[in-house]
Amino acid sequence: VVWGVLSDSIGATMTLIHREVRRRLAVA
């Protein structure tokens, strides 16, 4: 099960975080 908690100040860094999560899911 994937889980996550995001800060309300994530802002523009969401794009970088999205890419990192996609990468980690791809190699899981």
mmCIF file of all heavy atoms, coordinates in Angstrom:
data_MODEL
# 
_entry.id   MODEL 
# 
loop_
_atom_site.group_PDB 
_atom_site.id 
_atom_site.type_symbol 
_atom_site.label_atom_id 
_atom_site.label_alt_id 
_atom_site.label_comp_id 
_atom_site.label_asym_id 
_atom_site.label_entity_id 
_atom_site.label_seq_id 
_atom_site.pdbx_PDB_ins_code 
_atom_site.Cartn_x 
_atom_site.Cartn_y 
_atom_site.Cartn_z 
_atom_site.occupancy 
_atom_site.B_iso_or_equiv 
_atom_site.pdbx_formal_charge 
_atom_site.auth_seq_id 
_atom_site.auth_comp_id 
_atom_site.auth_asym_id 
_atom_site.auth_atom_id 
_atom_site.pdbx_PDB_model_num 
ATOM 1   N N   . VAL A 1 1  ? 0.864  -1.174 0.000   1.00 0.00 ? 1  VAL A N   1 
ATOM 2   C CA  . VAL A 1 1  ? 0.000  0.000  0.000   1.00 0.00 ? 1  VAL A CA  1 
ATOM 3   C C   . VAL A 1 1  ? 0.903  1.226  0.000   1.00 0.00 ? 1  VAL A C   1 
ATOM 4   O O   . VAL A 1 1  ? 1.814  1.338  0.823   1.00 0.00 ? 1  VAL A O   1 
ATOM 5   C CB  . VAL A 1 1  ? -0.932 0.016  1.231   1.00 0.00 ? 1  VAL A CB  1 
ATOM 6   C CG1 . VAL A 1 1  ? -1.722 1.327  1.291   1.00 0.00 ? 1  VAL A CG1 1 
ATOM 7   C CG2 . VAL A 1 1  ? -1.872 -1.179 1.201   1.00 0.00 ? 1  VAL A CG2 1 
ATOM 8   N N   . VAL A 1 2  ? 0.656  2.135  -0.944  1.00 0.00 ? 2  VAL A N   1 
ATOM 9   C CA  . VAL A 1 2  ? 1.400  3.388  -0.985  1.00 0.00 ? 2  VAL A CA  1 
ATOM 10  C C   . VAL A 1 2  ? 0.695  4.373  -0.050  1.00 0.00 ? 2  VAL A C   1 
ATOM 11  O O   . VAL A 1 2  ? -0.524 4.364  0.069   1.00 0.00 ? 2  VAL A O   1 
ATOM 12  C CB  . VAL A 1 2  ? 1.497  3.952  -2.426  1.00 0.00 ? 2  VAL A CB  1 
ATOM 13  C CG1 . VAL A 1 2  ? 0.148  4.364  -2.971  1.00 0.00 ? 2  VAL A CG1 1 
ATOM 14  C CG2 . VAL A 1 2  ? 2.486  5.095  -2.504  1.00 0.00 ? 2  VAL A CG2 1 
ATOM 15  N N   . TRP A 1 3  ? 1.479  5.192  0.638   1.00 0.00 ? 3  TRP A N   1 
ATOM 16  C CA  . TRP A 1 3  ? 0.916  6.184  1.544   1.00 0.00 ? 3  TRP A CA  1 
ATOM 17  C C   . TRP A 1 3  ? 1.712  7.477  1.413   1.00 0.00 ? 3  TRP A C   1 
ATOM 18  O O   . TRP A 1 3  ? 2.855  7.477  0.949   1.00 0.00 ? 3  TRP A O   1 
ATOM 19  C CB  . TRP A 1 3  ? 0.933  5.691  2.996   1.00 0.00 ? 3  TRP A CB  1 
ATOM 20  C CG  . TRP A 1 3  ? 2.319  5.430  3.537   1.00 0.00 ? 3  TRP A CG  1 
ATOM 21  C CD1 . TRP A 1 3  ? 3.043  4.255  3.421   1.00 0.00 ? 3  TRP A CD1 1 
ATOM 22  C CD2 . TRP A 1 3  ? 3.155  6.349  4.225   1.00 0.00 ? 3  TRP A CD2 1 
ATOM 23  N NE1 . TRP A 1 3  ? 4.274  4.411  4.008   1.00 0.00 ? 3  TRP A NE1 1 
ATOM 24  C CE2 . TRP A 1 3  ? 4.370  5.688  4.515   1.00 0.00 ? 3  TRP A CE2 1 
ATOM 25  C CE3 . TRP A 1 3  ? 3.003  7.671  4.636   1.00 0.00 ? 3  TRP A CE3 1 
ATOM 26  C CZ2 . TRP A 1 3  ? 5.416  6.295  5.198   1.00 0.00 ? 3  TRP A CZ2 1 
ATOM 27  C CZ3 . TRP A 1 3  ? 4.049  8.279  5.316   1.00 0.00 ? 3  TRP A CZ3 1 
ATOM 28  C CH2 . TRP A 1 3  ? 5.239  7.584  5.584   1.00 0.00 ? 3  TRP A CH2 1 
ATOM 29  N N   . GLY A 1 4  ? 1.091  8.563  1.790   1.00 0.00 ? 4  GLY A N   1 
ATOM 30  C CA  . GLY A 1 4  ? 1.785  9.832  1.721   1.00 0.00 ? 4  GLY A CA  1 
ATOM 31  C C   . GLY A 1 4  ? 1.099  10.907 2.539   1.00 0.00 ? 4  GLY A C   1 
ATOM 32  O O   . GLY A 1 4  ? -0.117 10.861 2.745   1.00 0.00 ? 4  GLY A O   1 
ATOM 33  N N   . VAL A 1 5  ? 1.893  11.836 3.009   1.00 0.00 ? 5  VAL A N   1 
ATOM 34  C CA  . VAL A 1 5  ? 1.418  13.001 3.736   1.00 0.00 ? 5  VAL A CA  1 
ATOM 35  C C   . VAL A 1 5  ? 2.148  14.198 3.136   1.00 0.00 ? 5  VAL A C   1 
ATOM 36  O O   . VAL A 1 5  ? 3.376  14.195 3.044   1.00 0.00 ? 5  VAL A O   1 
ATOM 37  C CB  . VAL A 1 5  ? 1.718  12.905 5.248   1.00 0.00 ? 5  VAL A CB  1 
ATOM 38  C CG1 . VAL A 1 5  ? 1.186  14.117 5.980   1.00 0.00 ? 5  VAL A CG1 1 
ATOM 39  C CG2 . VAL A 1 5  ? 1.157  11.618 5.837   1.00 0.00 ? 5  VAL A CG2 1 
ATOM 40  N N   . LEU A 1 6  ? 1.385  15.210 2.716   1.00 0.00 ? 6  LEU A N   1 
ATOM 41  C CA  . LEU A 1 6  ? 1.971  16.372 2.062   1.00 0.00 ? 6  LEU A CA  1 
ATOM 42  C C   . LEU A 1 6  ? 1.804  17.631 2.918   1.00 0.00 ? 6  LEU A C   1 
ATOM 43  O O   . LEU A 1 6  ? 0.773  17.815 3.561   1.00 0.00 ? 6  LEU A O   1 
ATOM 44  C CB  . LEU A 1 6  ? 1.317  16.605 0.702   1.00 0.00 ? 6  LEU A CB  1 
ATOM 45  C CG  . LEU A 1 6  ? 1.347  15.428 -0.270  1.00 0.00 ? 6  LEU A CG  1 
ATOM 46  C CD1 . LEU A 1 6  ? 0.619  15.780 -1.546  1.00 0.00 ? 6  LEU A CD1 1 
ATOM 47  C CD2 . LEU A 1 6  ? 2.760  14.983 -0.555  1.00 0.00 ? 6  LEU A CD2 1 
ATOM 48  N N   . SER A 1 7  ? 2.798  18.486 2.857   1.00 0.00 ? 7  SER A N   1 
ATOM 49  C CA  . SER A 1 7  ? 2.763  19.762 3.565   1.00 0.00 ? 7  SER A CA  1 
ATOM 50  C C   . SER A 1 7  ? 1.919  20.765 2.794   1.00 0.00 ? 7  SER A C   1 
ATOM 51  O O   . SER A 1 7  ? 1.854  20.709 1.560   1.00 0.00 ? 7  SER A O   1 
ATOM 52  C CB  . SER A 1 7  ? 4.189  20.298 3.702   1.00 0.00 ? 7  SER A CB  1 
ATOM 53  O OG  . SER A 1 7  ? 4.183  21.653 4.074   1.00 0.00 ? 7  SER A OG  1 
ATOM 54  N N   . ASP A 1 8  ? 1.327  21.701 3.494   1.00 0.00 ? 8  ASP A N   1 
ATOM 55  C CA  . ASP A 1 8  ? 0.561  22.732 2.801   1.00 0.00 ? 8  ASP A CA  1 
ATOM 56  C C   . ASP A 1 8  ? 1.467  23.756 2.119   1.00 0.00 ? 8  ASP A C   1 
ATOM 57  O O   . ASP A 1 8  ? 1.010  24.585 1.356   1.00 0.00 ? 8  ASP A O   1 
ATOM 58  C CB  . ASP A 1 8  ? -0.435 23.424 3.740   1.00 0.00 ? 8  ASP A CB  1 
ATOM 59  C CG  . ASP A 1 8  ? 0.216  24.288 4.797   1.00 0.00 ? 8  ASP A CG  1 
ATOM 60  O OD1 . ASP A 1 8  ? 1.448  24.258 4.924   1.00 0.00 ? 8  ASP A OD1 1 
ATOM 61  O OD2 . ASP A 1 8  ? -0.525 24.977 5.504   1.00 0.00 ? 8  ASP A OD2 1 
ATOM 62  N N   . SER A 1 9  ? 2.770  23.667 2.354   1.00 0.00 ? 9  SER A N   1 
ATOM 63  C CA  . SER A 1 9  ? 3.711  24.572 1.697   1.00 0.00 ? 9  SER A CA  1 
ATOM 64  C C   . SER A 1 9  ? 4.468  23.888 0.559   1.00 0.00 ? 9  SER A C   1 
ATOM 65  O O   . SER A 1 9  ? 5.513  24.362 0.130   1.00 0.00 ? 9  SER A O   1 
ATOM 66  C CB  . SER A 1 9  ? 4.699  25.138 2.720   1.00 0.00 ? 9  SER A CB  1 
ATOM 67  O OG  . SER A 1 9  ? 5.430  24.094 3.329   1.00 0.00 ? 9  SER A OG  1 
ATOM 68  N N   . ILE A 1 10 ? 3.921  22.808 0.027   1.00 0.00 ? 10 ILE A N   1 
ATOM 69  C CA  . ILE A 1 10 ? 4.591  22.026 -1.009  1.00 0.00 ? 10 ILE A CA  1 
ATOM 70  C C   . ILE A 1 10 ? 4.746  22.828 -2.302  1.00 0.00 ? 10 ILE A C   1 
ATOM 71  O O   . ILE A 1 10 ? 5.753  22.730 -2.973  1.00 0.00 ? 10 ILE A O   1 
ATOM 72  C CB  . ILE A 1 10 ? 3.871  20.687 -1.217  1.00 0.00 ? 10 ILE A CB  1 
ATOM 73  C CG1 . ILE A 1 10 ? 4.809  19.686 -1.847  1.00 0.00 ? 10 ILE A CG1 1 
ATOM 74  C CG2 . ILE A 1 10 ? 2.599  20.845 -2.019  1.00 0.00 ? 10 ILE A CG2 1 
ATOM 75  C CD1 . ILE A 1 10 ? 4.356  18.266 -1.717  1.00 0.00 ? 10 ILE A CD1 1 
ATOM 76  N N   . GLY A 1 11 ? 3.748  23.615 -2.663  1.00 0.00 ? 11 GLY A N   1 
ATOM 77  C CA  . GLY A 1 11 ? 3.813  24.537 -3.806  1.00 0.00 ? 11 GLY A CA  1 
ATOM 78  C C   . GLY A 1 11 ? 4.399  23.940 -5.066  1.00 0.00 ? 11 GLY A C   1 
ATOM 79  O O   . GLY A 1 11 ? 4.062  22.840 -5.485  1.00 0.00 ? 11 GLY A O   1 
ATOM 80  N N   . ALA A 1 12 ? 5.299  24.703 -5.680  1.00 0.00 ? 12 ALA A N   1 
ATOM 81  C CA  . ALA A 1 12 ? 5.875  24.333 -6.968  1.00 0.00 ? 12 ALA A CA  1 
ATOM 82  C C   . ALA A 1 12 ? 6.763  23.097 -6.896  1.00 0.00 ? 12 ALA A C   1 
ATOM 83  O O   . ALA A 1 12 ? 7.068  22.498 -7.920  1.00 0.00 ? 12 ALA A O   1 
ATOM 84  C CB  . ALA A 1 12 ? 6.670  25.510 -7.531  1.00 0.00 ? 12 ALA A CB  1 
ATOM 85  N N   . THR A 1 13 ? 7.167  22.687 -5.704  1.00 0.00 ? 13 THR A N   1 
ATOM 86  C CA  . THR A 1 13 ? 8.013  21.485 -5.585  1.00 0.00 ? 13 THR A CA  1 
ATOM 87  C C   . THR A 1 13 ? 7.210  20.216 -5.852  1.00 0.00 ? 13 THR A C   1 
ATOM 88  O O   . THR A 1 13 ? 7.793  19.146 -5.972  1.00 0.00 ? 13 THR A O   1 
ATOM 89  C CB  . THR A 1 13 ? 8.665  21.395 -4.196  1.00 0.00 ? 13 THR A CB  1 
ATOM 90  O OG1 . THR A 1 13 ? 7.648  21.322 -3.207  1.00 0.00 ? 13 THR A OG1 1 
ATOM 91  C CG2 . THR A 1 13 ? 9.558  22.589 -3.940  1.00 0.00 ? 13 THR A CG2 1 
ATOM 92  N N   . MET A 1 14 ? 5.899  20.334 -5.968  1.00 0.00 ? 14 MET A N   1 
ATOM 93  C CA  . MET A 1 14 ? 5.062  19.150 -6.219  1.00 0.00 ? 14 MET A CA  1 
ATOM 94  C C   . MET A 1 14 ? 5.483  18.437 -7.498  1.00 0.00 ? 14 MET A C   1 
ATOM 95  O O   . MET A 1 14 ? 5.451  17.214 -7.561  1.00 0.00 ? 14 MET A O   1 
ATOM 96  C CB  . MET A 1 14 ? 3.589  19.563 -6.278  1.00 0.00 ? 14 MET A CB  1 
ATOM 97  C CG  . MET A 1 14 ? 2.646  18.402 -6.391  1.00 0.00 ? 14 MET A CG  1 
ATOM 98  S SD  . MET A 1 14 ? 2.746  17.360 -4.913  1.00 0.00 ? 14 MET A SD  1 
ATOM 99  C CE  . MET A 1 14 ? 1.838  15.943 -5.478  1.00 0.00 ? 14 MET A CE  1 
ATOM 100 N N   . THR A 1 15 ? 5.896  19.174 -8.511  1.00 0.00 ? 15 THR A N   1 
ATOM 101 C CA  . THR A 1 15 ? 6.325  18.550 -9.766  1.00 0.00 ? 15 THR A CA  1 
ATOM 102 C C   . THR A 1 15 ? 7.530  17.648 -9.532  1.00 0.00 ? 15 THR A C   1 
ATOM 103 O O   . THR A 1 15 ? 7.563  16.513 -10.013 1.00 0.00 ? 15 THR A O   1 
ATOM 104 C CB  . THR A 1 15 ? 6.655  19.621 -10.825 1.00 0.00 ? 15 THR A CB  1 
ATOM 105 O OG1 . THR A 1 15 ? 5.486  20.401 -11.037 1.00 0.00 ? 15 THR A OG1 1 
ATOM 106 C CG2 . THR A 1 15 ? 7.095  18.994 -12.132 1.00 0.00 ? 15 THR A CG2 1 
ATOM 107 N N   . LEU A 1 16 ? 8.504  18.132 -8.774  1.00 0.00 ? 16 LEU A N   1 
ATOM 108 C CA  . LEU A 1 16 ? 9.689  17.315 -8.473  1.00 0.00 ? 16 LEU A CA  1 
ATOM 109 C C   . LEU A 1 16 ? 9.305  16.093 -7.647  1.00 0.00 ? 16 LEU A C   1 
ATOM 110 O O   . LEU A 1 16 ? 9.805  14.984 -7.890  1.00 0.00 ? 16 LEU A O   1 
ATOM 111 C CB  . LEU A 1 16 ? 10.726 18.147 -7.715  1.00 0.00 ? 16 LEU A CB  1 
ATOM 112 C CG  . LEU A 1 16 ? 11.309 19.341 -8.452  1.00 0.00 ? 16 LEU A CG  1 
ATOM 113 C CD1 . LEU A 1 16 ? 12.135 20.202 -7.509  1.00 0.00 ? 16 LEU A CD1 1 
ATOM 114 C CD2 . LEU A 1 16 ? 12.143 18.871 -9.624  1.00 0.00 ? 16 LEU A CD2 1 
ATOM 115 N N   . ILE A 1 17 ? 8.438  16.287 -6.689  1.00 0.00 ? 17 ILE A N   1 
ATOM 116 C CA  . ILE A 1 17 ? 8.017  15.184 -5.829  1.00 0.00 ? 17 ILE A CA  1 
ATOM 117 C C   . ILE A 1 17 ? 7.239  14.157 -6.647  1.00 0.00 ? 17 ILE A C   1 
ATOM 118 O O   . ILE A 1 17 ? 7.441  12.949 -6.497  1.00 0.00 ? 17 ILE A O   1 
ATOM 119 C CB  . ILE A 1 17 ? 7.219  15.724 -4.630  1.00 0.00 ? 17 ILE A CB  1 
ATOM 120 C CG1 . ILE A 1 17 ? 8.180  16.493 -3.708  1.00 0.00 ? 17 ILE A CG1 1 
ATOM 121 C CG2 . ILE A 1 17 ? 6.500  14.606 -3.883  1.00 0.00 ? 17 ILE A CG2 1 
ATOM 122 C CD1 . ILE A 1 17 ? 7.523  17.338 -2.663  1.00 0.00 ? 17 ILE A CD1 1 
ATOM 123 N N   . HIS A 1 18 ? 6.384  14.618 -7.523  1.00 0.00 ? 18 HIS A N   1 
ATOM 124 C CA  . HIS A 1 18 ? 5.621  13.706 -8.395  1.00 0.00 ? 18 HIS A CA  1 
ATOM 125 C C   . HIS A 1 18 ? 6.574  12.831 -9.219  1.00 0.00 ? 18 HIS A C   1 
ATOM 126 O O   . HIS A 1 18 ? 6.394  11.615 -9.293  1.00 0.00 ? 18 HIS A O   1 
ATOM 127 C CB  . HIS A 1 18 ? 4.698  14.510 -9.318  1.00 0.00 ? 18 HIS A CB  1 
ATOM 128 C CG  . HIS A 1 18 ? 4.019  13.687 -10.346 1.00 0.00 ? 18 HIS A CG  1 
ATOM 129 N ND1 . HIS A 1 18 ? 2.914  12.916 -10.061 1.00 0.00 ? 18 HIS A ND1 1 
ATOM 130 C CD2 . HIS A 1 18 ? 4.295  13.473 -11.660 1.00 0.00 ? 18 HIS A CD2 1 
ATOM 131 C CE1 . HIS A 1 18 ? 2.541  12.280 -11.157 1.00 0.00 ? 18 HIS A CE1 1 
ATOM 132 N NE2 . HIS A 1 18 ? 3.365  12.604 -12.132 1.00 0.00 ? 18 HIS A NE2 1 
ATOM 133 N N   . ARG A 1 19 ? 7.564  13.440 -9.806  1.00 0.00 ? 19 ARG A N   1 
ATOM 134 C CA  . ARG A 1 19 ? 8.537  12.679 -10.623 1.00 0.00 ? 19 ARG A CA  1 
ATOM 135 C C   . ARG A 1 19 ? 9.273  11.635 -9.791  1.00 0.00 ? 19 ARG A C   1 
ATOM 136 O O   . ARG A 1 19 ? 9.504  10.511 -10.240 1.00 0.00 ? 19 ARG A O   1 
ATOM 137 C CB  . ARG A 1 19 ? 9.522  13.624 -11.284 1.00 0.00 ? 19 ARG A CB  1 
ATOM 138 C CG  . ARG A 1 19 ? 8.907  14.435 -12.386 1.00 0.00 ? 19 ARG A CG  1 
ATOM 139 C CD  . ARG A 1 19 ? 9.922  15.352 -13.025 1.00 0.00 ? 19 ARG A CD  1 
ATOM 140 N NE  . ARG A 1 19 ? 9.271  16.211 -13.993 1.00 0.00 ? 19 ARG A NE  1 
ATOM 141 C CZ  . ARG A 1 19 ? 9.643  17.453 -14.249 1.00 0.00 ? 19 ARG A CZ  1 
ATOM 142 N NH1 . ARG A 1 19 ? 10.684 17.978 -13.620 1.00 0.00 ? 19 ARG A NH1 1 
ATOM 143 N NH2 . ARG A 1 19 ? 9.002  18.171 -15.134 1.00 0.00 ? 19 ARG A NH2 1 
ATOM 144 N N   . GLU A 1 20 ? 9.658  12.012 -8.570  1.00 0.00 ? 20 GLU A N   1 
ATOM 145 C CA  . GLU A 1 20 ? 10.371 11.082 -7.695  1.00 0.00 ? 20 GLU A CA  1 
ATOM 146 C C   . GLU A 1 20 ? 9.471  9.913  -7.287  1.00 0.00 ? 20 GLU A C   1 
ATOM 147 O O   . GLU A 1 20 ? 9.896  8.751  -7.281  1.00 0.00 ? 20 GLU A O   1 
ATOM 148 C CB  . GLU A 1 20 ? 10.899 11.809 -6.457  1.00 0.00 ? 20 GLU A CB  1 
ATOM 149 C CG  . GLU A 1 20 ? 11.703 10.939 -5.519  1.00 0.00 ? 20 GLU A CG  1 
ATOM 150 C CD  . GLU A 1 20 ? 13.024 10.461 -6.091  1.00 0.00 ? 20 GLU A CD  1 
ATOM 151 O OE1 . GLU A 1 20 ? 13.519 11.027 -7.088  1.00 0.00 ? 20 GLU A OE1 1 
ATOM 152 O OE2 . GLU A 1 20 ? 13.578 9.500  -5.517  1.00 0.00 ? 20 GLU A OE2 1 
ATOM 153 N N   . VAL A 1 21 ? 8.227  10.194 -6.975  1.00 0.00 ? 21 VAL A N   1 
ATOM 154 C CA  . VAL A 1 21 ? 7.286  9.127  -6.599  1.00 0.00 ? 21 VAL A CA  1 
ATOM 155 C C   . VAL A 1 21 ? 7.060  8.190  -7.787  1.00 0.00 ? 21 VAL A C   1 
ATOM 156 O O   . VAL A 1 21 ? 7.091  6.968  -7.631  1.00 0.00 ? 21 VAL A O   1 
ATOM 157 C CB  . VAL A 1 21 ? 5.953  9.719  -6.079  1.00 0.00 ? 21 VAL A CB  1 
ATOM 158 C CG1 . VAL A 1 21 ? 4.900  8.632  -5.912  1.00 0.00 ? 21 VAL A CG1 1 
ATOM 159 C CG2 . VAL A 1 21 ? 6.177  10.463 -4.769  1.00 0.00 ? 21 VAL A CG2 1 
ATOM 160 N N   . ARG A 1 22 ? 6.867  8.744  -8.983  1.00 0.00 ? 22 ARG A N   1 
ATOM 161 C CA  . ARG A 1 22 ? 6.701  7.901  -10.188 1.00 0.00 ? 22 ARG A CA  1 
ATOM 162 C C   . ARG A 1 22 ? 7.911  6.984  -10.378 1.00 0.00 ? 22 ARG A C   1 
ATOM 163 O O   . ARG A 1 22 ? 7.770  5.803  -10.692 1.00 0.00 ? 22 ARG A O   1 
ATOM 164 C CB  . ARG A 1 22 ? 6.493  8.756  -11.430 1.00 0.00 ? 22 ARG A CB  1 
ATOM 165 C CG  . ARG A 1 22 ? 5.064  9.199  -11.630 1.00 0.00 ? 22 ARG A CG  1 
ATOM 166 C CD  . ARG A 1 22 ? 4.879  9.800  -13.014 1.00 0.00 ? 22 ARG A CD  1 
ATOM 167 N NE  . ARG A 1 22 ? 4.821  8.788  -14.034 1.00 0.00 ? 22 ARG A NE  1 
ATOM 168 C CZ  . ARG A 1 22 ? 3.704  8.235  -14.492 1.00 0.00 ? 22 ARG A CZ  1 
ATOM 169 N NH1 . ARG A 1 22 ? 2.549  8.579  -13.999 1.00 0.00 ? 22 ARG A NH1 1 
ATOM 170 N NH2 . ARG A 1 22 ? 3.739  7.325  -15.430 1.00 0.00 ? 22 ARG A NH2 1 
ATOM 171 N N   . ARG A 1 23 ? 9.095  7.555  -10.192 1.00 0.00 ? 23 ARG A N   1 
ATOM 172 C CA  . ARG A 1 23 ? 10.327 6.766  -10.373 1.00 0.00 ? 23 ARG A CA  1 
ATOM 173 C C   . ARG A 1 23 ? 10.393 5.629  -9.362  1.00 0.00 ? 23 ARG A C   1 
ATOM 174 O O   . ARG A 1 23 ? 10.689 4.490  -9.705  1.00 0.00 ? 23 ARG A O   1 
ATOM 175 C CB  . ARG A 1 23 ? 11.555 7.683  -10.231 1.00 0.00 ? 23 ARG A CB  1 
ATOM 176 C CG  . ARG A 1 23 ? 12.870 6.969  -10.544 1.00 0.00 ? 23 ARG A CG  1 
ATOM 177 C CD  . ARG A 1 23 ? 14.066 7.854  -10.266 1.00 0.00 ? 23 ARG A CD  1 
ATOM 178 N NE  . ARG A 1 23 ? 14.299 8.046  -8.850  1.00 0.00 ? 23 ARG A NE  1 
ATOM 179 C CZ  . ARG A 1 23 ? 14.804 7.126  -8.032  1.00 0.00 ? 23 ARG A CZ  1 
ATOM 180 N NH1 . ARG A 1 23 ? 15.106 5.927  -8.470  1.00 0.00 ? 23 ARG A NH1 1 
ATOM 181 N NH2 . ARG A 1 23 ? 15.006 7.408  -6.751  1.00 0.00 ? 23 ARG A NH2 1 
ATOM 182 N N   . ARG A 1 24 ? 10.076 5.927  -8.109  1.00 0.00 ? 24 ARG A N   1 
ATOM 183 C CA  . ARG A 1 24 ? 10.144 4.896  -7.066  1.00 0.00 ? 24 ARG A CA  1 
ATOM 184 C C   . ARG A 1 24 ? 9.076  3.827  -7.261  1.00 0.00 ? 24 ARG A C   1 
ATOM 185 O O   . ARG A 1 24 ? 9.316  2.651  -7.003  1.00 0.00 ? 24 ARG A O   1 
ATOM 186 C CB  . ARG A 1 24 ? 10.073 5.527  -5.689  1.00 0.00 ? 24 ARG A CB  1 
ATOM 187 C CG  . ARG A 1 24 ? 11.366 6.289  -5.373  1.00 0.00 ? 24 ARG A CG  1 
ATOM 188 C CD  . ARG A 1 24 ? 11.368 6.898  -4.008  1.00 0.00 ? 24 ARG A CD  1 
ATOM 189 N NE  . ARG A 1 24 ? 12.548 7.708  -3.817  1.00 0.00 ? 24 ARG A NE  1 
ATOM 190 C CZ  . ARG A 1 24 ? 13.644 7.311  -3.178  1.00 0.00 ? 24 ARG A CZ  1 
ATOM 191 N NH1 . ARG A 1 24 ? 13.703 6.095  -2.668  1.00 0.00 ? 24 ARG A NH1 1 
ATOM 192 N NH2 . ARG A 1 24 ? 14.665 8.123  -3.035  1.00 0.00 ? 24 ARG A NH2 1 
ATOM 193 N N   . LEU A 1 25 ? 7.893  4.216  -7.726  1.00 0.00 ? 25 LEU A N   1 
ATOM 194 C CA  . LEU A 1 25 ? 6.851  3.228  -8.008  1.00 0.00 ? 25 LEU A CA  1 
ATOM 195 C C   . LEU A 1 25 ? 7.261  2.323  -9.170  1.00 0.00 ? 25 LEU A C   1 
ATOM 196 O O   . LEU A 1 25 ? 6.992  1.122  -9.152  1.00 0.00 ? 25 LEU A O   1 
ATOM 197 C CB  . LEU A 1 25 ? 5.527  3.916  -8.331  1.00 0.00 ? 25 LEU A CB  1 
ATOM 198 C CG  . LEU A 1 25 ? 4.813  4.587  -7.163  1.00 0.00 ? 25 LEU A CG  1 
ATOM 199 C CD1 . LEU A 1 25 ? 3.628  5.397  -7.663  1.00 0.00 ? 25 LEU A CD1 1 
ATOM 200 C CD2 . LEU A 1 25 ? 4.378  3.573  -6.118  1.00 0.00 ? 25 LEU A CD2 1 
ATOM 201 N N   . ALA A 1 26 ? 7.925  2.887  -10.159 1.00 0.00 ? 26 ALA A N   1 
ATOM 202 C CA  . ALA A 1 26 ? 8.334  2.118  -11.340 1.00 0.00 ? 26 ALA A CA  1 
ATOM 203 C C   . ALA A 1 26 ? 9.344  1.034  -10.997 1.00 0.00 ? 26 ALA A C   1 
ATOM 204 O O   . ALA A 1 26 ? 9.362  -0.019 -11.651 1.00 0.00 ? 26 ALA A O   1 
ATOM 205 C CB  . ALA A 1 26 ? 8.906  3.049  -12.405 1.00 0.00 ? 26 ALA A CB  1 
ATOM 206 N N   . VAL A 1 27 ? 10.175 1.251  -9.996  1.00 0.00 ? 27 VAL A N   1 
ATOM 207 C CA  . VAL A 1 27 ? 11.200 0.261  -9.651  1.00 0.00 ? 27 VAL A CA  1 
ATOM 208 C C   . VAL A 1 27 ? 10.818 -0.606 -8.451  1.00 0.00 ? 27 VAL A C   1 
ATOM 209 O O   . VAL A 1 27 ? 11.578 -1.496 -8.069  1.00 0.00 ? 27 VAL A O   1 
ATOM 210 C CB  . VAL A 1 27 ? 12.582 0.932  -9.400  1.00 0.00 ? 27 VAL A CB  1 
ATOM 211 C CG1 . VAL A 1 27 ? 13.047 1.665  -10.642 1.00 0.00 ? 27 VAL A CG1 1 
ATOM 212 C CG2 . VAL A 1 27 ? 12.531 1.859  -8.197  1.00 0.00 ? 27 VAL A CG2 1 
ATOM 213 N N   . ALA A 1 28 ? 9.647  -0.349 -7.881  1.00 0.00 ? 28 ALA A N   1 
ATOM 214 C CA  . ALA A 1 28 ? 9.209  -1.149 -6.728  1.00 0.00 ? 28 ALA A CA  1 
ATOM 215 C C   . ALA A 1 28 ? 9.020  -2.606 -7.149  1.00 0.00 ? 28 ALA A C   1 
ATOM 216 O O   . ALA A 1 28 ? 8.557  -2.891 -8.248  1.00 0.00 ? 28 ALA A O   1 
ATOM 217 C CB  . ALA A 1 28 ? 7.912  -0.582 -6.159  1.00 0.00 ? 28 ALA A CB  1 
# 
